[in-house]
Amino acid sequence: MRSVLAERLYDLRSANELSQAFLAELAGVDRKTINRIENGHFSPALDTIVRLSVALGIAPSDLLKK
């Protein structure tokens, strides 16, 4: 079962029509990191959550709630 973070990241990325590669570039992380988070194989550190939220234009807490 995927985490709330995994589902939210996928949903927000898709809603903004961003590829994993482009979101990774915006957030300054590797594309494989995005893939692993979305598939529930990786729990990112807080700094990665902050980078992703900034890239998506949302608050970090918005990535963690349903």
C-alpha atoms as a PDB file:
ATOM      1  CA  MET A   1       0.000   0.000   0.000  1.00  0.00           C
ATOM      2  CA  ARG A   2       1.351   3.399  -0.985  1.00  0.00           C
ATOM      3  CA  SER A   3       1.710   6.191   1.545  1.00  0.00           C
ATOM      4  CA  VAL A   4      -0.295   9.401   1.574  1.00  0.00           C
ATOM      5  CA  LEU A   5       2.854  11.175   0.374  1.00  0.00           C
ATOM      6  CA  ALA A   6       3.231   8.786  -2.566  1.00  0.00           C
ATOM      7  CA  GLU A   7      -0.373   9.282  -3.660  1.00  0.00           C
ATOM      8  CA  ARG A   8      -0.351  13.064  -3.152  1.00  0.00           C
ATOM      9  CA  LEU A   9       2.899  13.499  -5.053  1.00  0.00           C
ATOM     10  CA  TYR A  10       1.600  11.489  -7.998  1.00  0.00           C
ATOM     11  CA  ASP A  11      -1.777  13.275  -7.986  1.00  0.00           C
ATOM     12  CA  LEU A  12      -0.266  16.767  -7.751  1.00  0.00           C
ATOM     13  CA  ARG A  13       2.386  16.052 -10.366  1.00  0.00           C
ATOM     14  CA  SER A  14      -0.232  14.652 -12.742  1.00  0.00           C
ATOM     15  CA  ALA A  15      -2.668  17.517 -12.105  1.00  0.00           C
ATOM     16  CA  ASN A  16       0.091  19.963 -13.038  1.00  0.00           C
ATOM     17  CA  GLU A  17       0.958  17.867 -16.107  1.00  0.00           C
ATOM     18  CA  LEU A  18       4.580  17.485 -15.017  1.00  0.00           C
ATOM     19  CA  SER A  19       6.764  14.561 -15.966  1.00  0.00           C
ATOM     20  CA  GLN A  20       8.804  12.899 -13.260  1.00  0.00           C
ATOM     21  CA  ALA A  21      11.941  14.195 -14.984  1.00  0.00           C
ATOM     22  CA  PHE A  22      10.729  17.799 -15.062  1.00  0.00           C
ATOM     23  CA  LEU A  23       9.567  17.765 -11.434  1.00  0.00           C
ATOM     24  CA  ALA A  24      12.899  16.249 -10.452  1.00  0.00           C
ATOM     25  CA  GLU A  25      14.719  19.043 -12.275  1.00  0.00           C
ATOM     26  CA  LEU A  26      12.580  21.716 -10.600  1.00  0.00           C
ATOM     27  CA  ALA A  27      13.125  20.177  -7.169  1.00  0.00           C
ATOM     28  CA  GLY A  28      16.816  19.441  -7.647  1.00  0.00           C
ATOM     29  CA  VAL A  29      16.468  15.702  -7.096  1.00  0.00           C
ATOM     30  CA  ASP A  30      17.007  12.650  -9.269  1.00  0.00           C
ATOM     31  CA  ARG A  31      14.111  11.371 -11.399  1.00  0.00           C
ATOM     32  CA  LYS A  32      14.551   7.962  -9.786  1.00  0.00           C
ATOM     33  CA  THR A  33      13.830   9.587  -6.427  1.00  0.00           C
ATOM     34  CA  ILE A  34      10.446  10.807  -7.691  1.00  0.00           C
ATOM     35  CA  ASN A  35       9.687   7.359  -9.091  1.00  0.00           C
ATOM     36  CA  ARG A  36      10.663   5.589  -5.876  1.00  0.00           C
ATOM     37  CA  ILE A  37       8.569   7.962  -3.739  1.00  0.00           C
ATOM     38  CA  GLU A  38       5.498   7.612  -5.970  1.00  0.00           C
ATOM     39  CA  ASN A  39       5.793   3.821  -5.958  1.00  0.00           C
ATOM     40  CA  GLY A  40       6.144   3.692  -2.185  1.00  0.00           C
ATOM     41  CA  HIS A  41       9.712   2.382  -2.212  1.00  0.00           C
ATOM     42  CA  PHE A  42      11.318   5.420  -0.577  1.00  0.00           C
ATOM     43  CA  SER A  43      10.465   7.746   2.297  1.00  0.00           C
ATOM     44  CA  PRO A  44      12.173  11.075   1.622  1.00  0.00           C
ATOM     45  CA  ALA A  45      13.896  13.260   4.176  1.00  0.00           C
ATOM     46  CA  LEU A  46      12.262  16.525   5.210  1.00  0.00           C
ATOM     47  CA  ASP A  47      14.533  18.589   2.945  1.00  0.00           C
ATOM     48  CA  THR A  48      13.365  16.567  -0.073  1.00  0.00           C
ATOM     49  CA  ILE A  49       9.721  17.065   0.909  1.00  0.00           C
ATOM     50  CA  VAL A  50      10.363  20.811   1.147  1.00  0.00           C
ATOM     51  CA  ARG A  51      12.085  20.858  -2.271  1.00  0.00           C
ATOM     52  CA  LEU A  52       9.180  18.983  -3.854  1.00  0.00           C
ATOM     53  CA  SER A  53       6.585  21.256  -2.277  1.00  0.00           C
ATOM     54  CA  VAL A  54       8.419  24.379  -3.460  1.00  0.00           C
ATOM     55  CA  ALA A  55       8.607  22.928  -6.982  1.00  0.00           C
ATOM     56  CA  LEU A  56       4.861  22.231  -6.881  1.00  0.00           C
ATOM     57  CA  GLY A  57       4.028  25.633  -5.361  1.00  0.00           C
ATOM     58  CA  ILE A  58       2.410  24.207  -2.239  1.00  0.00           C
ATOM     59  CA  ALA A  59       3.123  24.030   1.491  1.00  0.00           C
ATOM     60  CA  PRO A  60       5.069  20.957   2.643  1.00  0.00           C
ATOM     61  CA  SER A  61       2.125  19.951   4.838  1.00  0.00           C
ATOM     62  CA  ASP A  62      -0.057  19.720   1.709  1.00  0.00           C
ATOM     63  CA  LEU A  63       2.052  16.799   0.501  1.00  0.00           C
ATOM     64  CA  LEU A  64       1.361  14.909   3.696  1.00  0.00           C
ATOM     65  CA  LYS A  65      -2.408  15.190   4.061  1.00  0.00           C
ATOM     66  CA  LYS A  66      -5.205  13.466   2.207  1.00  0.00           C
END
